[in-house]
Amino acid sequence: MKYAHGEYVVSRCGAIMAVQAQGPWNLECVVKFAEDYLSEREGLAGNRWGDIVFVTGESLFVPDAADALKSLVKSVMKLGLSHIAVVLGNSTVRSSTKMQLEKIYNSLGIAHVFVETNDQAVHWLESEGYLVDKRALAIHYLKSPTNPN
C-alpha cells in the first residue's frame, strides 16, 4: 500500500487496471496514485481497458482531490480507459462515495457501474468484452491488508 492520506494498490491484470483504495483521500495521495497508475498502465498503450476499483473505509475525496481524480480519468480516457466498475462492498460511506464518483464519471461520459462484490465487477467487465487475468487479480488482492477475497 502507498500512503499519503489515503492508501492504494494498483496493478495491471490483463486488459484491466485493478485498484484497491482506502480513504479518505487528499490531493497528495491522488497525485501519487496518478503517477503509479500511469506507470502500471504503460503495457496497455494503444488498447482499450477497464478499471476495477475496490474502495474500503471512509472512501471520500476532499474537493481538490476529487478534481485531480477527474483530471486523471479524463486524461486516461484519451489513452483507452472506457469502463469502470466500482466495488462498494467495504466502503463505510457507500452512498456518499457513489454520489461523488457518479458526478465525476457522468460529467466525463465514461461507462461505469457500482457493484457490491469483485465477482460482479469482473462479470460486468467480461460482459463488456474485456479479458480479465483472474490469476493476476488474485495476486493483486494479496498485496493489500484490505483483501476483498
Protein backbone atom coordinates (compact mmCIF):
# COMPACT_ATOMS: atom_id res chain seq x y z
CA MET A 1 0.00 0.00 0.00
CA LYS A 2 1.13 3.54 -0.71
CA TYR A 3 0.25 6.09 1.97
CA ALA A 4 -0.30 9.84 1.69
CA HIS A 5 -3.63 10.32 3.49
CA GLY A 6 -5.35 7.51 1.75
CA GLU A 7 -3.90 4.19 0.69
CA TYR A 8 -3.97 2.27 -2.56
CA VAL A 9 -2.59 -0.63 -4.53
CA VAL A 10 -2.70 -0.57 -8.33
CA SER A 11 -1.91 -3.44 -10.74
CA ARG A 12 -2.49 -4.35 -14.37
CA CYS A 13 -4.45 -7.60 -14.73
CA GLY A 14 -4.89 -8.40 -18.40
CA ALA A 15 -6.96 -5.64 -20.00
CA ILE A 16 -7.97 -4.39 -16.57
CA MET A 17 -6.36 -1.99 -14.14
CA ALA A 18 -7.15 -3.15 -10.61
CA VAL A 19 -7.20 -0.58 -7.82
CA GLN A 20 -7.74 -1.11 -4.12
CA ALA A 21 -8.22 2.20 -2.38
CA GLN A 22 -8.83 3.05 1.25
CA GLY A 23 -9.84 6.61 2.03
CA PRO A 24 -10.33 9.34 2.79
CA TRP A 25 -8.04 10.79 0.10
CA ASN A 26 -6.33 14.13 -0.19
CA LEU A 27 -4.69 15.78 -3.18
CA GLU A 28 -1.22 14.44 -2.37
CA CYS A 29 -2.50 10.86 -2.42
CA VAL A 30 -4.39 11.30 -5.71
CA VAL A 31 -1.35 12.89 -7.37
CA LYS A 32 0.88 9.98 -6.28
CA PHE A 33 -1.80 7.50 -7.34
CA ALA A 34 -1.95 9.12 -10.79
CA GLU A 35 1.81 8.63 -11.21
CA ASP A 36 1.65 4.99 -10.17
CA TYR A 37 -1.48 4.30 -12.25
CA LEU A 38 0.08 5.79 -15.39
CA SER A 39 3.27 3.77 -14.84
CA GLU A 40 1.34 0.48 -14.40
CA ARG A 41 -0.88 1.04 -17.44
CA GLU A 42 2.03 1.50 -19.86
CA GLY A 43 1.60 -2.08 -21.07
CA LEU A 44 -1.88 -1.19 -22.29
CA ALA A 45 -0.71 1.54 -24.66
CA GLY A 46 -2.83 1.62 -27.79
CA ASN A 47 -5.51 -0.67 -26.36
CA ARG A 48 -8.76 -0.01 -24.55
CA TRP A 49 -9.00 -1.10 -20.95
CA GLY A 50 -11.29 -1.10 -17.94
CA ASP A 51 -10.85 -0.49 -14.23
CA ILE A 52 -11.97 -2.39 -11.17
CA VAL A 53 -11.85 0.00 -8.23
CA PHE A 54 -12.40 -1.63 -4.85
CA VAL A 55 -12.99 1.03 -2.19
CA THR A 56 -12.76 0.49 1.55
CA GLY A 57 -13.09 2.58 4.66
CA GLU A 58 -14.13 6.21 4.54
CA SER A 59 -13.86 6.33 0.76
CA LEU A 60 -14.28 10.06 0.13
CA PHE A 61 -12.24 12.74 -1.63
CA VAL A 62 -11.61 16.26 -0.41
CA PRO A 63 -12.65 18.71 -3.19
CA ASP A 64 -9.19 19.29 -4.71
CA ALA A 65 -8.53 15.53 -4.70
CA ALA A 66 -11.84 14.92 -6.49
CA ASP A 67 -10.83 17.49 -9.12
CA ALA A 68 -7.46 15.75 -9.56
CA LEU A 69 -9.17 12.38 -9.96
CA LYS A 70 -11.49 13.84 -12.59
CA SER A 71 -8.47 15.19 -14.50
CA LEU A 72 -6.75 11.81 -14.29
CA VAL A 73 -9.79 9.92 -15.56
CA LYS A 74 -10.26 12.43 -18.38
CA SER A 75 -6.62 12.09 -19.46
CA VAL A 76 -6.59 8.27 -19.40
CA MET A 77 -9.88 8.08 -21.28
CA LYS A 78 -7.95 9.63 -24.18
CA LEU A 79 -5.45 6.76 -23.87
CA GLY A 80 -8.06 3.96 -23.84
CA LEU A 81 -9.88 3.72 -20.48
CA SER A 82 -13.52 3.10 -21.34
CA HIS A 83 -15.23 1.24 -18.45
CA ILE A 84 -15.03 1.47 -14.66
CA ALA A 85 -16.52 -0.98 -12.16
CA VAL A 86 -16.54 0.33 -8.60
CA VAL A 87 -16.90 -2.25 -5.80
CA LEU A 88 -18.56 -0.53 -2.84
CA GLY A 89 -18.83 -3.60 -0.62
CA ASN A 90 -16.40 -2.45 2.10
CA SER A 91 -16.96 1.31 1.98
CA THR A 92 -18.25 2.78 5.22
CA VAL A 93 -19.82 5.71 3.34
CA ARG A 94 -21.21 3.96 0.28
CA SER A 95 -23.91 6.40 -0.78
CA SER A 96 -21.61 9.42 -0.41
CA THR A 97 -18.84 7.66 -2.34
CA LYS A 98 -21.25 6.64 -5.06
CA MET A 99 -22.59 10.20 -5.38
CA GLN A 100 -19.08 11.67 -5.53
CA LEU A 101 -17.81 9.21 -8.16
CA GLU A 102 -21.07 9.25 -10.14
CA LYS A 103 -20.73 13.03 -10.50
CA ILE A 104 -17.19 12.66 -11.87
CA TYR A 105 -17.95 9.74 -14.20
CA ASN A 106 -21.21 11.20 -15.53
CA SER A 107 -19.54 14.54 -16.28
CA LEU A 108 -16.94 12.67 -18.37
CA GLY A 109 -19.38 10.29 -20.06
CA ILE A 110 -17.48 7.14 -19.13
CA ALA A 111 -19.33 3.83 -18.82
CA HIS A 112 -19.42 2.75 -15.18
CA VAL A 113 -21.23 0.54 -12.71
CA PHE A 114 -21.38 0.32 -8.92
CA VAL A 115 -21.45 -3.21 -7.52
CA GLU A 116 -21.13 -4.99 -4.18
CA THR A 117 -18.54 -7.66 -4.99
CA ASN A 118 -15.42 -8.30 -7.03
CA ASP A 119 -17.16 -11.12 -8.88
CA GLN A 120 -19.88 -8.73 -10.03
CA ALA A 121 -17.24 -6.26 -11.25
CA VAL A 122 -15.35 -8.97 -13.16
CA HIS A 123 -18.59 -10.31 -14.68
CA TRP A 124 -19.65 -6.84 -15.88
CA LEU A 125 -16.26 -6.10 -17.43
CA GLU A 126 -16.16 -9.51 -19.13
CA SER A 127 -19.67 -8.87 -20.48
CA GLU A 128 -18.28 -5.65 -21.96
CA GLY A 129 -15.62 -7.66 -23.81
CA TYR A 130 -12.61 -7.34 -21.52
CA LEU A 131 -10.17 -10.13 -20.76
CA VAL A 132 -9.61 -10.19 -17.00
CA ASP A 133 -6.49 -12.02 -15.86
CA LYS A 134 -8.03 -13.60 -12.74
CA ARG A 135 -4.71 -15.00 -11.54
CA ALA A 136 -3.11 -11.55 -11.68
CA LEU A 137 -6.20 -10.12 -9.98
CA ALA A 138 -5.88 -12.63 -7.12
CA ILE A 139 -2.20 -11.71 -6.73
CA HIS A 140 -3.15 -8.03 -6.78
CA TYR A 141 -5.57 -8.53 -3.90
CA LEU A 142 -2.90 -10.29 -1.82
CA LYS A 143 -0.87 -7.04 -1.87
CA SER A 144 -3.35 -5.32 0.40
CA PRO A 145 -4.30 -5.78 4.05
CA THR A 146 -7.87 -4.96 2.97
CA ASN A 147 -8.01 -8.07 0.77
CA PRO A 148 -11.58 -8.33 -0.56
CA ASN A 149 -11.45 -12.09 -1.21
